[in-house]
Amino acid sequence: MAVQVPSRRPPTTNNGSENAVRGYKLAAKISGCWRTLATLRRHCRIRSYLTTARSHGHHPRAAIRDALNGTCWMPPTPA
């Protein structure tokens, strides 16, 4: 029986812009490239929505559920 222990190591970098790009680069590396500009745009839109929801303390799975139910989560408007 194998037990997987979560890593307690800090992220490789604390640079927010590098963290934001890492997912796109990883997806492109796995598939080789983005097939169309439309799929890249779709991926960027979903990723941005989930990252924003997470940064505002909203669980990404709950944000997806709300979006699919027609009640999209929106960040608060700045004062």
PDB file of N, CA and C in Angstrom:
ATOM      1  N   MET A   1       0.850  -1.164   0.000  1.00  0.00           N
ATOM      2  CA  MET A   1       0.000   0.000   0.000  1.00  0.00           C
ATOM      3  C   MET A   1       0.900   1.233   0.000  1.00  0.00           C
ATOM      4  N   ALA A   2       0.659   2.126  -0.934  1.00  0.00           N
ATOM      5  CA  ALA A   2       1.437   3.353  -1.030  1.00  0.00           C
ATOM      6  C   ALA A   2       0.641   4.502  -0.443  1.00  0.00           C
ATOM      7  N   VAL A   3       1.318   5.291   0.357  1.00  0.00           N
ATOM      8  CA  VAL A   3       0.688   6.464   0.955  1.00  0.00           C
ATOM      9  C   VAL A   3       1.413   7.680   0.425  1.00  0.00           C
ATOM     10  N   GLN A   4       0.663   8.616  -0.113  1.00  0.00           N
ATOM     11  CA  GLN A   4       1.271   9.808  -0.658  1.00  0.00           C
ATOM     12  C   GLN A   4       1.141  10.941   0.355  1.00  0.00           C
ATOM     13  N   VAL A   5       2.267  11.535   0.705  1.00  0.00           N
ATOM     14  CA  VAL A   5       2.301  12.617   1.670  1.00  0.00           C
ATOM     15  C   VAL A   5       2.397  13.927   0.900  1.00  0.00           C
ATOM     16  N   PRO A   6       1.546  14.900   1.207  1.00  0.00           N
ATOM     17  CA  PRO A   6       1.624  16.171   0.493  1.00  0.00           C
ATOM     18  C   PRO A   6       2.948  16.880   0.764  1.00  0.00           C
ATOM     19  N   SER A   7       3.456  17.519  -0.245  1.00  0.00           N
ATOM     20  CA  SER A   7       4.716  18.230  -0.133  1.00  0.00           C
ATOM     21  C   SER A   7       4.535  19.501   0.687  1.00  0.00           C
ATOM     22  N   ARG A   8       5.453  19.759   1.561  1.00  0.00           N
ATOM     23  CA  ARG A   8       5.415  20.984   2.361  1.00  0.00           C
ATOM     24  C   ARG A   8       6.435  22.000   1.855  1.00  0.00           C
ATOM     25  N   ARG A   9       6.999  21.720   0.688  1.00  0.00           N
ATOM     26  CA  ARG A   9       7.973  22.643   0.118  1.00  0.00           C
ATOM     27  C   ARG A   9       7.272  23.896  -0.389  1.00  0.00           C
ATOM     28  N   PRO A  10       7.919  25.046  -0.268  1.00  0.00           N
ATOM     29  CA  PRO A  10       7.321  26.270  -0.808  1.00  0.00           C
ATOM     30  C   PRO A  10       7.331  26.212  -2.339  1.00  0.00           C
ATOM     31  N   PRO A  11       6.515  27.038  -2.995  1.00  0.00           N
ATOM     32  CA  PRO A  11       6.531  27.050  -4.454  1.00  0.00           C
ATOM     33  C   PRO A  11       7.918  27.408  -4.976  1.00  0.00           C
ATOM     34  N   THR A  12       8.218  27.015  -6.204  1.00  0.00           N
ATOM     35  CA  THR A  12       9.551  27.248  -6.754  1.00  0.00           C
ATOM     36  C   THR A  12       9.859  28.724  -6.872  1.00  0.00           C
ATOM     37  N   THR A  13       8.848  29.549  -7.001  1.00  0.00           N
ATOM     38  CA  THR A  13       9.053  30.987  -7.065  1.00  0.00           C
ATOM     39  C   THR A  13       7.859  31.683  -6.428  1.00  0.00           C
ATOM     40  N   ASN A  14       8.093  32.885  -5.962  1.00  0.00           N
ATOM     41  CA  ASN A  14       6.981  33.644  -5.401  1.00  0.00           C
ATOM     42  C   ASN A  14       6.529  34.732  -6.368  1.00  0.00           C
ATOM     43  N   ASN A  15       7.051  34.685  -7.585  1.00  0.00           N
ATOM     44  CA  ASN A  15       6.696  35.659  -8.592  1.00  0.00           C
ATOM     45  C   ASN A  15       5.326  35.304  -9.158  1.00  0.00           C
ATOM     46  N   GLY A  16       4.345  36.153  -8.919  1.00  0.00           N
ATOM     47  CA  GLY A  16       2.979  35.872  -9.346  1.00  0.00           C
ATOM     48  C   GLY A  16       2.831  35.723 -10.848  1.00  0.00           C
ATOM     49  N   SER A  17       3.555  36.533 -11.613  1.00  0.00           N
ATOM     50  CA  SER A  17       3.431  36.431 -13.065  1.00  0.00           C
ATOM     51  C   SER A  17       4.000  35.113 -13.578  1.00  0.00           C
ATOM     52  N   GLU A  18       5.080  34.631 -12.978  1.00  0.00           N
ATOM     53  CA  GLU A  18       5.622  33.335 -13.388  1.00  0.00           C
ATOM     54  C   GLU A  18       4.665  32.214 -13.014  1.00  0.00           C
ATOM     55  N   ASN A  19       4.033  32.308 -11.854  1.00  0.00           N
ATOM     56  CA  ASN A  19       3.064  31.292 -11.453  1.00  0.00           C
ATOM     57  C   ASN A  19       1.870  31.266 -12.398  1.00  0.00           C
ATOM     58  N   ALA A  20       1.437  32.430 -12.866  1.00  0.00           N
ATOM     59  CA  ALA A  20       0.294  32.494 -13.771  1.00  0.00           C
ATOM     60  C   ALA A  20       0.608  31.854 -15.116  1.00  0.00           C
ATOM     61  N   VAL A  21       1.824  31.991 -15.594  1.00  0.00           N
ATOM     62  CA  VAL A  21       2.203  31.467 -16.910  1.00  0.00           C
ATOM     63  C   VAL A  21       2.551  29.987 -16.847  1.00  0.00           C
ATOM     64  N   ARG A  22       2.942  29.496 -15.694  1.00  0.00           N
ATOM     65  CA  ARG A  22       3.405  28.114 -15.581  1.00  0.00           C
ATOM     66  C   ARG A  22       2.386  27.100 -16.111  1.00  0.00           C
ATOM     67  N   GLY A  23       1.105  27.277 -15.796  1.00  0.00           N
ATOM     68  CA  GLY A  23       0.080  26.341 -16.249  1.00  0.00           C
ATOM     69  C   GLY A  23      -0.048  26.302 -17.758  1.00  0.00           C
ATOM     70  N   TYR A  24       0.041  27.459 -18.409  1.00  0.00           N
ATOM     71  CA  TYR A  24      -0.057  27.513 -19.866  1.00  0.00           C
ATOM     72  C   TYR A  24       1.133  26.824 -20.514  1.00  0.00           C
ATOM     73  N   LYS A  25       2.315  27.094 -19.972  1.00  0.00           N
ATOM     74  CA  LYS A  25       3.523  26.487 -20.524  1.00  0.00           C
ATOM     75  C   LYS A  25       3.494  24.977 -20.333  1.00  0.00           C
ATOM     76  N   LEU A  26       3.025  24.517 -19.191  1.00  0.00           N
ATOM     77  CA  LEU A  26       2.947  23.080 -18.934  1.00  0.00           C
ATOM     78  C   LEU A  26       1.966  22.409 -19.885  1.00  0.00           C
ATOM     79  N   ALA A  27       0.800  23.016 -20.082  1.00  0.00           N
ATOM     80  CA  ALA A  27      -0.189  22.442 -20.993  1.00  0.00           C
ATOM     81  C   ALA A  27       0.348  22.392 -22.419  1.00  0.00           C
ATOM     82  N   ALA A  28       1.054  23.429 -22.839  1.00  0.00           N
ATOM     83  CA  ALA A  28       1.630  23.444 -24.184  1.00  0.00           C
ATOM     84  C   ALA A  28       2.742  22.400 -24.307  1.00  0.00           C
ATOM     85  N   LYS A  29       3.492  22.204 -23.239  1.00  0.00           N
ATOM     86  CA  LYS A  29       4.580  21.222 -23.271  1.00  0.00           C
ATOM     87  C   LYS A  29       4.024  19.802 -23.382  1.00  0.00           C
ATOM     88  N   ILE A  30       2.938  19.520 -22.683  1.00  0.00           N
ATOM     89  CA  ILE A  30       2.365  18.178 -22.697  1.00  0.00           C
ATOM     90  C   ILE A  30       1.765  17.863 -24.064  1.00  0.00           C
ATOM     91  N   SER A  31       0.977  18.796 -24.607  1.00  0.00           N
ATOM     92  CA  SER A  31       0.311  18.526 -25.879  1.00  0.00           C
ATOM     93  C   SER A  31       1.183  18.864 -27.079  1.00  0.00           C
ATOM     94  N   GLY A  32       2.261  19.574 -26.871  1.00  0.00           N
ATOM     95  CA  GLY A  32       3.146  19.957 -27.968  1.00  0.00           C
ATOM     96  C   GLY A  32       2.901  21.375 -28.436  1.00  0.00           C
ATOM     97  N   CYS A  33       1.660  21.798 -28.447  1.00  0.00           N
ATOM     98  CA  CYS A  33       1.324  23.165 -28.843  1.00  0.00           C
ATOM     99  C   CYS A  33      -0.170  23.373 -28.646  1.00  0.00           C
ATOM    100  N   TRP A  34      -0.606  24.581 -28.827  1.00  0.00           N
ATOM    101  CA  TRP A  34      -2.040  24.864 -28.842  1.00  0.00           C
ATOM    102  C   TRP A  34      -2.485  24.688 -30.275  1.00  0.00           C
ATOM    103  N   ARG A  35      -3.542  23.930 -30.494  1.00  0.00           N
ATOM    104  CA  ARG A  35      -3.994  23.622 -31.850  1.00  0.00           C
ATOM    105  C   ARG A  35      -4.611  24.833 -32.539  1.00  0.00           C
ATOM    106  N   THR A  36      -5.431  25.574 -31.815  1.00  0.00           N
ATOM    107  CA  THR A  36      -6.046  26.761 -32.410  1.00  0.00           C
ATOM    108  C   THR A  36      -5.997  27.902 -31.408  1.00  0.00           C
ATOM    109  N   LEU A  37      -6.116  29.102 -31.939  1.00  0.00           N
ATOM    110  CA  LEU A  37      -6.137  30.275 -31.074  1.00  0.00           C
ATOM    111  C   LEU A  37      -7.402  30.277 -30.209  1.00  0.00           C
ATOM    112  N   ALA A  38      -8.485  29.728 -30.730  1.00  0.00           N
ATOM    113  CA  ALA A  38      -9.745  29.671 -29.971  1.00  0.00           C
ATOM    114  C   ALA A  38      -9.597  28.810 -28.719  1.00  0.00           C
ATOM    115  N   THR A  39      -8.911  27.663 -28.825  1.00  0.00           N
ATOM    116  CA  THR A  39      -8.744  26.813 -27.641  1.00  0.00           C
ATOM    117  C   THR A  39      -7.825  27.475 -26.624  1.00  0.00           C
ATOM    118  N   LEU A  40      -6.817  28.190 -27.088  1.00  0.00           N
ATOM    119  CA  LEU A  40      -5.943  28.914 -26.162  1.00  0.00           C
ATOM    120  C   LEU A  40      -6.722  30.000 -25.441  1.00  0.00           C
ATOM    121  N   ARG A  41      -7.543  30.729 -26.159  1.00  0.00           N
ATOM    122  CA  ARG A  41      -8.356  31.780 -25.535  1.00  0.00           C
ATOM    123  C   ARG A  41      -9.319  31.193 -24.505  1.00  0.00           C
ATOM    124  N   ARG A  42      -9.940  30.071 -24.854  1.00  0.00           N
ATOM    125  CA  ARG A  42     -10.871  29.410 -23.937  1.00  0.00           C
ATOM    126  C   ARG A  42     -10.151  28.975 -22.665  1.00  0.00           C
ATOM    127  N   HIS A  43      -8.980  28.381 -22.830  1.00  0.00           N
ATOM    128  CA  HIS A  43      -8.187  27.941 -21.679  1.00  0.00           C
ATOM    129  C   HIS A  43      -7.804  29.139 -20.806  1.00  0.00           C
ATOM    130  N   CYS A  44      -7.371  30.230 -21.445  1.00  0.00           N
ATOM    131  CA  CYS A  44      -6.971  31.428 -20.695  1.00  0.00           C
ATOM    132  C   CYS A  44      -8.149  32.026 -19.931  1.00  0.00           C
ATOM    133  N   ARG A  45      -9.323  32.035 -20.547  1.00  0.00           N
ATOM    134  CA  ARG A  45     -10.507  32.602 -19.897  1.00  0.00           C
ATOM    135  C   ARG A  45     -10.890  31.796 -18.656  1.00  0.00           C
ATOM    136  N   ILE A  46     -10.898  30.485 -18.790  1.00  0.00           N
ATOM    137  CA  ILE A  46     -11.260  29.622 -17.653  1.00  0.00           C
ATOM    138  C   ILE A  46     -10.209  29.720 -16.556  1.00  0.00           C
ATOM    139  N   ARG A  47      -8.941  29.665 -16.937  1.00  0.00           N
ATOM    140  CA  ARG A  47      -7.854  29.726 -15.959  1.00  0.00           C
ATOM    141  C   ARG A  47      -7.872  31.059 -15.199  1.00  0.00           C
ATOM    142  N   SER A  48      -8.111  32.147 -15.916  1.00  0.00           N
ATOM    143  CA  SER A  48      -8.163  33.464 -15.282  1.00  0.00           C
ATOM    144  C   SER A  48      -9.321  33.550 -14.288  1.00  0.00           C
ATOM    145  N   TYR A  49     -10.481  33.012 -14.675  1.00  0.00           N
ATOM    146  CA  TYR A  49     -11.653  33.013 -13.799  1.00  0.00           C
ATOM    147  C   TYR A  49     -11.364  32.241 -12.515  1.00  0.00           C
ATOM    148  N   LEU A  50     -10.771  31.063 -12.644  1.00  0.00           N
ATOM    149  CA  LEU A  50     -10.496  30.242 -11.466  1.00  0.00           C
ATOM    150  C   LEU A  50      -9.415  30.858 -10.583  1.00  0.00           C
ATOM    151  N   THR A  51      -8.392  31.450 -11.193  1.00  0.00           N
ATOM    152  CA  THR A  51      -7.327  32.096 -10.416  1.00  0.00           C
ATOM    153  C   THR A  51      -7.873  33.286  -9.632  1.00  0.00           C
ATOM    154  N   THR A  52      -8.736  34.076 -10.280  1.00  0.00           N
ATOM    155  CA  THR A  52      -9.335  35.228  -9.602  1.00  0.00           C
ATOM    156  C   THR A  52     -10.236  34.773  -8.461  1.00  0.00           C
ATOM    157  N   ALA A  53     -11.032  33.743  -8.712  1.00  0.00           N
ATOM    158  CA  ALA A  53     -11.909  33.227  -7.656  1.00  0.00           C
ATOM    159  C   ALA A  53     -11.089  32.742  -6.469  1.00  0.00           C
ATOM    160  N   ARG A  54     -10.020  32.012  -6.742  1.00  0.00           N
ATOM    161  CA  ARG A  54      -9.166  31.496  -5.670  1.00  0.00           C
ATOM    162  C   ARG A  54      -8.509  32.638  -4.894  1.00  0.00           C
ATOM    163  N   SER A  55      -8.067  33.678  -5.591  1.00  0.00           N
ATOM    164  CA  SER A  55      -7.397  34.786  -4.895  1.00  0.00           C
ATOM    165  C   SER A  55      -8.360  35.582  -4.018  1.00  0.00           C
ATOM    166  N   HIS A  56      -9.671  35.476  -4.281  1.00  0.00           N
ATOM    167  CA  HIS A  56     -10.676  36.144  -3.456  1.00  0.00           C
ATOM    168  C   HIS A  56     -11.281  35.206  -2.413  1.00  0.00           C
ATOM    169  N   GLY A  57     -10.670  34.029  -2.232  1.00  0.00           N
ATOM    170  CA  GLY A  57     -11.114  33.116  -1.194  1.00  0.00           C
ATOM    171  C   GLY A  57     -12.277  32.227  -1.583  1.00  0.00           C
ATOM    172  N   HIS A  58     -12.624  32.196  -2.851  1.00  0.00           N
ATOM    173  CA  HIS A  58     -13.724  31.357  -3.340  1.00  0.00           C
ATOM    174  C   HIS A  58     -13.124  30.063  -3.881  1.00  0.00           C
ATOM    175  N   HIS A  59     -13.638  28.934  -3.470  1.00  0.00           N
ATOM    176  CA  HIS A  59     -13.081  27.654  -3.907  1.00  0.00           C
ATOM    177  C   HIS A  59     -13.330  27.476  -5.408  1.00  0.00           C
ATOM    178  N   PRO A  60     -12.300  27.090  -6.174  1.00  0.00           N
ATOM    179  CA  PRO A  60     -12.460  26.942  -7.626  1.00  0.00           C
ATOM    180  C   PRO A  60     -13.574  25.975  -8.026  1.00  0.00           C
ATOM    181  N   ARG A  61     -13.728  24.878  -7.297  1.00  0.00           N
ATOM    182  CA  ARG A  61     -14.786  23.927  -7.630  1.00  0.00           C
ATOM    183  C   ARG A  61     -16.163  24.561  -7.442  1.00  0.00           C
ATOM    184  N   ALA A  62     -16.304  25.367  -6.394  1.00  0.00           N
ATOM    185  CA  ALA A  62     -17.576  26.072  -6.175  1.00  0.00           C
ATOM    186  C   ALA A  62     -17.806  27.102  -7.280  1.00  0.00           C
ATOM    187  N   ALA A  63     -16.752  27.751  -7.740  1.00  0.00           N
ATOM    188  CA  ALA A  63     -16.884  28.725  -8.825  1.00  0.00           C
ATOM    189  C   ALA A  63     -17.338  28.042 -10.113  1.00  0.00           C
ATOM    190  N   ILE A  64     -16.796  26.857 -10.401  1.00  0.00           N
ATOM    191  CA  ILE A  64     -17.214  26.107 -11.585  1.00  0.00           C
ATOM    192  C   ILE A  64     -18.674  25.683 -11.448  1.00  0.00           C
ATOM    193  N   ARG A  65     -19.036  25.171 -10.277  1.00  0.00           N
ATOM    194  CA  ARG A  65     -20.411  24.737 -10.043  1.00  0.00           C
ATOM    195  C   ARG A  65     -21.376  25.902 -10.230  1.00  0.00           C
ATOM    196  N   ASP A  66     -21.033  27.054  -9.659  1.00  0.00           N
ATOM    197  CA  ASP A  66     -21.904  28.223  -9.784  1.00  0.00           C
ATOM    198  C   ASP A  66     -22.026  28.666 -11.242  1.00  0.00           C
ATOM    199  N   ALA A  67     -20.924  28.639 -11.975  1.00  0.00           N
ATOM    200  CA  ALA A  67     -20.952  29.039 -13.388  1.00  0.00           C
ATOM    201  C   ALA A  67     -21.835  28.097 -14.197  1.00  0.00           C
ATOM    202  N   LEU A  68     -21.746  26.799 -13.932  1.00  0.00           N
ATOM    203  CA  LEU A  68     -22.563  25.830 -14.662  1.00  0.00           C
ATOM    204  C   LEU A  68     -24.039  25.929 -14.293  1.00  0.00           C
ATOM    205  N   ASN A  69     -24.323  26.405 -13.087  1.00  0.00           N
ATOM    206  CA  ASN A  69     -25.714  26.589 -12.653  1.00  0.00           C
ATOM    207  C   ASN A  69     -26.293  27.926 -13.101  1.00  0.00           C
ATOM    208  N   GLY A  70     -25.475  28.751 -13.749  1.00  0.00           N
ATOM    209  CA  GLY A  70     -25.956  30.035 -14.243  1.00  0.00           C
ATOM    210  C   GLY A  70     -25.832  31.184 -13.268  1.00  0.00           C
ATOM    211  N   THR A  71     -25.177  30.963 -12.137  1.00  0.00           N
ATOM    212  CA  THR A  71     -24.974  32.025 -11.149  1.00  0.00           C
ATOM    213  C   THR A  71     -23.467  32.257 -10.989  1.00  0.00           C
ATOM    214  N   CYS A  72     -22.870  32.832 -12.009  1.00  0.00           N
ATOM    215  CA  CYS A  72     -21.418  33.034 -12.017  1.00  0.00           C
ATOM    216  C   CYS A  72     -20.960  33.882 -10.836  1.00  0.00           C
ATOM    217  N   TRP A  73     -19.848  33.472 -10.234  1.00  0.00           N
ATOM    218  CA  TRP A  73     -19.239  34.265  -9.185  1.00  0.00           C
ATOM    219  C   TRP A  73     -18.511  35.424  -9.841  1.00  0.00           C
ATOM    220  N   MET A  74     -18.682  36.600  -9.303  1.00  0.00           N
ATOM    221  CA  MET A  74     -17.987  37.785  -9.804  1.00  0.00           C
ATOM    222  C   MET A  74     -17.239  38.429  -8.651  1.00  0.00           C
ATOM    223  N   PRO A  75     -16.015  38.916  -8.911  1.00  0.00           N
ATOM    224  CA  PRO A  75     -15.286  39.578  -7.841  1.00  0.00           C
ATOM    225  C   PRO A  75     -15.983  40.878  -7.454  1.00  0.00           C
ATOM    226  N   PRO A  76     -15.784  41.311  -6.215  1.00  0.00           N
ATOM    227  CA  PRO A  76     -16.424  42.565  -5.800  1.00  0.00           C
ATOM    228  C   PRO A  76     -15.865  43.749  -6.593  1.00  0.00           C
ATOM    229  N   THR A  77     -16.704  44.719  -6.851  1.00  0.00           N
ATOM    230  CA  THR A  77     -16.243  45.898  -7.574  1.00  0.00           C
ATOM    231  C   THR A  77     -15.447  46.775  -6.630  1.00  0.00           C
ATOM    232  N   PRO A  78     -14.336  47.337  -7.117  1.00  0.00           N
ATOM    233  CA  PRO A  78     -13.520  48.192  -6.246  1.00  0.00           C
ATOM    234  C   PRO A  78     -14.281  49.470  -5.888  1.00  0.00           C
ATOM    235  N   ALA A  79     -14.026  49.970  -4.696  1.00  0.00           N
ATOM    236  CA  ALA A  79     -14.728  51.163  -4.219  1.00  0.00           C
ATOM    237  C   ALA A  79     -14.200  52.421  -4.859  1.00  0.00           C
TER     238      ALA A  79
END
